[in-house]
Structure formats: structure tokens, C-alpha cells
Amino acid sequence: MTTKVRLSHQPTAEPFAQAAAVLAADGIVAYPTDTLYALGVDPRRNDAVEALCDMKERGAGAGLPLIAGSLEQVEASLGPLSALGRQLAERWWPGPLTLVYSPAVLLAEAVHAPDGSLAVRCPPARRRACWPSHSVIR
């Protein structure tokens, strides 16, 4: 089943609630980023991550990058960054910087690289359009 949710430049709460419902049902959501559009799933749900990997024809072991709305969201959801990671995030987020680190929280296996690390960034464009409850995979 396909559900279409439209986000405007000044989105209201309703489209986010609809998109969150899709994510909660292991669905895939397409959303705008600072560069193009991305496909997102709940990175805590193995079935959703596997479906995304199948759709993207992405092999195991590559890991999947996360998009976050803020440094605070990253640390609340995944655990603290290192001192250097925090310093870089404070300087460059929102922006094009991607940080790779080993989080305190394990997500779906395919999200992590083989060494357990993951990549996360906070893009500048449509920052408010990031999911308020958790990071999403792109």
C-alpha cells in the first residue's frame, strides 16, 4: 500500500503524524533533504531497514547513513558524541558534515557498519522537516 503525505515549506503537525504512522508500520517515507530526496525508515526496526536495503539493492555490511534534526536529537537517541565529535557538530551542524561514531545504542543491524559504527548528519535545508521522535535513515 502506498500512502502519499505532502510536506510544504512550512509543514504542520498533521503530515508528520501521517509519516510517523507509516514509519511505525515498517513503511518507507520519501522526504526532501538539503540535496535531493531521501528514503527513510525507522532505524530501530529490522524489517523496515531490510525492506529499504532490498529496495535500494544495497548489500549487507555497507551501513546506512542517518539524518537527524539536531545534535541534541543525536545524543538523546544514540548516546553522546566524543568531545571532538561534539565540537565538530556544534561548529558545522546544521550543515554538510557527516560524523561516524560508535553509538551507545544498537539499531537495526544493517544500519551499522561492520565495526558497529554509524554515520549521522544534520542537514541545513528543511531542518524542521526532520522527524521529531527519532533519526531516520536516508
C-alpha atoms as a PDB file:
ATOM      1  CA  MET A   1       0.000   0.000   0.000  1.00  0.00           C
ATOM      2  CA  THR A   2       1.273   3.480  -0.871  1.00  0.00           C
ATOM      3  CA  THR A   3       0.419   6.471   1.280  1.00  0.00           C
ATOM      4  CA  LYS A   4       1.214   9.937  -0.018  1.00  0.00           C
ATOM      5  CA  VAL A   5       1.955  12.642   2.546  1.00  0.00           C
ATOM      6  CA  ARG A   6       2.790  16.109   1.261  1.00  0.00           C
ATOM      7  CA  LEU A   7       5.091  18.384   3.236  1.00  0.00           C
ATOM      8  CA  SER A   8       5.008  22.066   2.413  1.00  0.00           C
ATOM      9  CA  HIS A   9       7.805  24.541   3.098  1.00  0.00           C
ATOM     10  CA  GLN A  10       6.028  25.325   6.367  1.00  0.00           C
ATOM     11  CA  PRO A  11       4.640  21.914   7.369  1.00  0.00           C
ATOM     12  CA  THR A  12       2.021  21.462  10.030  1.00  0.00           C
ATOM     13  CA  ALA A  13       1.851  18.629  12.572  1.00  0.00           C
ATOM     14  CA  GLU A  14      -0.610  16.542  10.528  1.00  0.00           C
ATOM     15  CA  PRO A  15       1.778  15.397   7.751  1.00  0.00           C
ATOM     16  CA  PHE A  16       4.385  14.492  10.364  1.00  0.00           C
ATOM     17  CA  ALA A  17       1.838  12.391  12.232  1.00  0.00           C
ATOM     18  CA  GLN A  18       0.929  10.624   8.982  1.00  0.00           C
ATOM     19  CA  ALA A  19       4.586   9.986   8.137  1.00  0.00           C
ATOM     20  CA  ALA A  20       5.249   8.754  11.691  1.00  0.00           C
ATOM     21  CA  ALA A  21       2.386   6.272  11.291  1.00  0.00           C
ATOM     22  CA  VAL A  22       3.965   4.972   8.076  1.00  0.00           C
ATOM     23  CA  LEU A  23       7.315   4.588   9.853  1.00  0.00           C
ATOM     24  CA  ALA A  24       5.689   2.818  12.809  1.00  0.00           C
ATOM     25  CA  ALA A  25       4.170   0.293  10.389  1.00  0.00           C
ATOM     26  CA  ASP A  26       7.640  -0.547   8.991  1.00  0.00           C
ATOM     27  CA  GLY A  27       6.936   1.684   5.979  1.00  0.00           C
ATOM     28  CA  ILE A  28       9.307   3.728   3.859  1.00  0.00           C
ATOM     29  CA  VAL A  29       8.966   7.507   3.583  1.00  0.00           C
ATOM     30  CA  ALA A  30      10.461   9.716   0.855  1.00  0.00           C
ATOM     31  CA  TYR A  31      11.344  13.177   2.117  1.00  0.00           C
ATOM     32  CA  PRO A  32      13.345  16.218   0.986  1.00  0.00           C
ATOM     33  CA  THR A  33      16.873  16.810   2.253  1.00  0.00           C
ATOM     34  CA  ASP A  34      19.368  19.580   1.621  1.00  0.00           C
ATOM     35  CA  THR A  35      20.473  17.972  -1.636  1.00  0.00           C
ATOM     36  CA  LEU A  36      17.788  15.709  -3.092  1.00  0.00           C
ATOM     37  CA  TYR A  37      15.141  13.405  -1.725  1.00  0.00           C
ATOM     38  CA  ALA A  38      15.850  10.530   0.598  1.00  0.00           C
ATOM     39  CA  LEU A  39      14.137   7.329   1.619  1.00  0.00           C
ATOM     40  CA  GLY A  40      13.676   6.934   5.338  1.00  0.00           C
ATOM     41  CA  VAL A  41      12.655   4.188   7.718  1.00  0.00           C
ATOM     42  CA  ASP A  42      12.692   3.746  11.469  1.00  0.00           C
ATOM     43  CA  PRO A  43      16.318   2.637  12.031  1.00  0.00           C
ATOM     44  CA  ARG A  44      15.268   0.620  15.103  1.00  0.00           C
ATOM     45  CA  ARG A  45      13.060  -1.732  13.068  1.00  0.00           C
ATOM     46  CA  ASN A  46      14.869  -4.604  11.332  1.00  0.00           C
ATOM     47  CA  ASP A  47      12.046  -5.364   8.887  1.00  0.00           C
ATOM     48  CA  ALA A  48      11.890  -1.760   7.711  1.00  0.00           C
ATOM     49  CA  VAL A  49      15.659  -1.483   7.307  1.00  0.00           C
ATOM     50  CA  GLU A  50      15.780  -4.772   5.393  1.00  0.00           C
ATOM     51  CA  ALA A  51      12.989  -3.573   3.084  1.00  0.00           C
ATOM     52  CA  LEU A  52      14.902  -0.365   2.406  1.00  0.00           C
ATOM     53  CA  CYS A  53      18.118  -2.285   1.686  1.00  0.00           C
ATOM     54  CA  ASP A  54      16.204  -4.537  -0.717  1.00  0.00           C
ATOM     55  CA  MET A  55      14.626  -1.538  -2.440  1.00  0.00           C
ATOM     56  CA  LYS A  56      17.987   0.210  -2.820  1.00  0.00           C
ATOM     57  CA  GLU A  57      19.727  -3.067  -3.734  1.00  0.00           C
ATOM     58  CA  ARG A  58      22.241  -2.290  -1.013  1.00  0.00           C
ATOM     59  CA  GLY A  59      24.356  -5.166   0.204  1.00  0.00           C
ATOM     60  CA  ALA A  60      24.918  -6.132   3.802  1.00  0.00           C
ATOM     61  CA  GLY A  61      27.817  -4.561   5.638  1.00  0.00           C
ATOM     62  CA  ALA A  62      27.706  -1.153   3.978  1.00  0.00           C
ATOM     63  CA  GLY A  63      25.772   0.578   6.748  1.00  0.00           C
ATOM     64  CA  LEU A  64      23.160   3.268   6.143  1.00  0.00           C
ATOM     65  CA  PRO A  65      23.510   6.957   7.000  1.00  0.00           C
ATOM     66  CA  LEU A  66      21.147   8.643   9.435  1.00  0.00           C
ATOM     67  CA  ILE A  67      19.607  12.098   9.163  1.00  0.00           C
ATOM     68  CA  ALA A  68      18.891  13.961  12.396  1.00  0.00           C
ATOM     69  CA  GLY A  69      17.220  17.228  13.281  1.00  0.00           C
ATOM     70  CA  SER A  70      19.781  18.391  15.837  1.00  0.00           C
ATOM     71  CA  LEU A  71      22.808  17.494  17.898  1.00  0.00           C
ATOM     72  CA  GLU A  72      20.507  17.110  20.883  1.00  0.00           C
ATOM     73  CA  GLN A  73      18.407  14.559  18.989  1.00  0.00           C
ATOM     74  CA  VAL A  74      21.506  12.549  18.066  1.00  0.00           C
ATOM     75  CA  GLU A  75      22.753  12.383  21.633  1.00  0.00           C
ATOM     76  CA  ALA A  76      19.313  11.685  23.106  1.00  0.00           C
ATOM     77  CA  SER A  77      18.633   8.897  20.601  1.00  0.00           C
ATOM     78  CA  LEU A  78      22.070   7.362  20.088  1.00  0.00           C
ATOM     79  CA  GLY A  79      24.230   8.405  23.021  1.00  0.00           C
ATOM     80  CA  PRO A  80      26.900  11.061  23.459  1.00  0.00           C
ATOM     81  CA  LEU A  81      29.395  12.005  20.807  1.00  0.00           C
ATOM     82  CA  SER A  82      33.074  12.174  21.662  1.00  0.00           C
ATOM     83  CA  ALA A  83      34.400  15.578  22.707  1.00  0.00           C
ATOM     84  CA  LEU A  84      35.790  16.133  19.202  1.00  0.00           C
ATOM     85  CA  GLY A  85      32.569  14.912  17.557  1.00  0.00           C
ATOM     86  CA  ARG A  86      30.514  17.288  19.694  1.00  0.00           C
ATOM     87  CA  GLN A  87      32.844  20.178  18.895  1.00  0.00           C
ATOM     88  CA  LEU A  88      32.590  19.465  15.160  1.00  0.00           C
ATOM     89  CA  ALA A  89      28.805  19.113  15.319  1.00  0.00           C
ATOM     90  CA  GLU A  90      28.442  22.369  17.237  1.00  0.00           C
ATOM     91  CA  ARG A  91      30.562  24.121  14.612  1.00  0.00           C
ATOM     92  CA  TRP A  92      29.205  22.569  11.404  1.00  0.00           C
ATOM     93  CA  TRP A  93      25.608  21.442  12.097  1.00  0.00           C
ATOM     94  CA  PRO A  94      23.278  22.077  10.550  1.00  0.00           C
ATOM     95  CA  GLY A  95      25.452  21.550   7.519  1.00  0.00           C
ATOM     96  CA  PRO A  96      27.150  19.058   5.222  1.00  0.00           C
ATOM     97  CA  LEU A  97      29.268  17.330   7.899  1.00  0.00           C
ATOM     98  CA  THR A  98      28.716  13.591   8.393  1.00  0.00           C
ATOM     99  CA  LEU A  99      30.036  12.152  11.648  1.00  0.00           C
ATOM    100  CA  VAL A 100      30.960   8.498  12.028  1.00  0.00           C
ATOM    101  CA  TYR A 101      30.997   7.137  15.552  1.00  0.00           C
ATOM    102  CA  SER A 102      30.120   4.138  17.686  1.00  0.00           C
ATOM    103  CA  PRO A 103      26.784   4.880  19.347  1.00  0.00           C
ATOM    104  CA  ALA A 104      25.726   3.703  22.790  1.00  0.00           C
ATOM    105  CA  VAL A 105      22.515   2.321  21.268  1.00  0.00           C
ATOM    106  CA  LEU A 106      22.302  -0.511  18.775  1.00  0.00           C
ATOM    107  CA  LEU A 107      19.870  -0.022  15.916  1.00  0.00           C
ATOM    108  CA  ALA A 108      18.883  -2.495  13.227  1.00  0.00           C
ATOM    109  CA  GLU A 109      21.982  -4.441  12.230  1.00  0.00           C
ATOM    110  CA  ALA A 110      22.104  -3.168   8.627  1.00  0.00           C
ATOM    111  CA  VAL A 111      22.292   0.449   9.822  1.00  0.00           C
ATOM    112  CA  HIS A 112      25.712  -0.130  11.389  1.00  0.00           C
ATOM    113  CA  ALA A 113      28.980  -0.657   9.549  1.00  0.00           C
ATOM    114  CA  PRO A 114      30.720  -3.989  10.250  1.00  0.00           C
ATOM    115  CA  ASP A 115      32.692  -2.368  13.095  1.00  0.00           C
ATOM    116  CA  GLY A 116      29.460  -1.216  14.799  1.00  0.00           C
ATOM    117  CA  SER A 117      29.845   2.443  13.887  1.00  0.00           C
ATOM    118  CA  LEU A 118      27.270   4.532  12.065  1.00  0.00           C
ATOM    119  CA  ALA A 119      27.137   7.742  10.061  1.00  0.00           C
ATOM    120  CA  VAL A 120      24.867  10.635  11.021  1.00  0.00           C
ATOM    121  CA  ARG A 121      24.383  14.207   9.867  1.00  0.00           C
ATOM    122  CA  CYS A 122      22.066  17.135  10.396  1.00  0.00           C
ATOM    123  CA  PRO A 123      21.363  18.863   7.074  1.00  0.00           C
ATOM    124  CA  PRO A 124      20.624  22.591   6.931  1.00  0.00           C
ATOM    125  CA  ALA A 125      17.737  22.657   4.473  1.00  0.00           C
ATOM    126  CA  ARG A 126      14.331  21.744   5.812  1.00  0.00           C
ATOM    127  CA  ARG A 127      15.866  21.126   9.212  1.00  0.00           C
ATOM    128  CA  ARG A 128      12.452  21.480  10.779  1.00  0.00           C
ATOM    129  CA  ALA A 129      11.190  18.722   8.482  1.00  0.00           C
ATOM    130  CA  CYS A 130      13.303  16.114  10.270  1.00  0.00           C
ATOM    131  CA  TRP A 131      11.301  13.649  12.292  1.00  0.00           C
ATOM    132  CA  PRO A 132      10.918  14.895  15.837  1.00  0.00           C
ATOM    133  CA  SER A 133      10.825  11.486  17.533  1.00  0.00           C
ATOM    134  CA  HIS A 134      13.924   9.790  16.142  1.00  0.00           C
ATOM    135  CA  SER A 135      16.551   9.811  13.436  1.00  0.00           C
ATOM    136  CA  VAL A 136      15.706   8.374  10.059  1.00  0.00           C
ATOM    137  CA  ILE A 137      17.756   6.545   7.512  1.00  0.00           C
ATOM    138  CA  ARG A 138      18.262   8.031   4.151  1.00  0.00           C
END
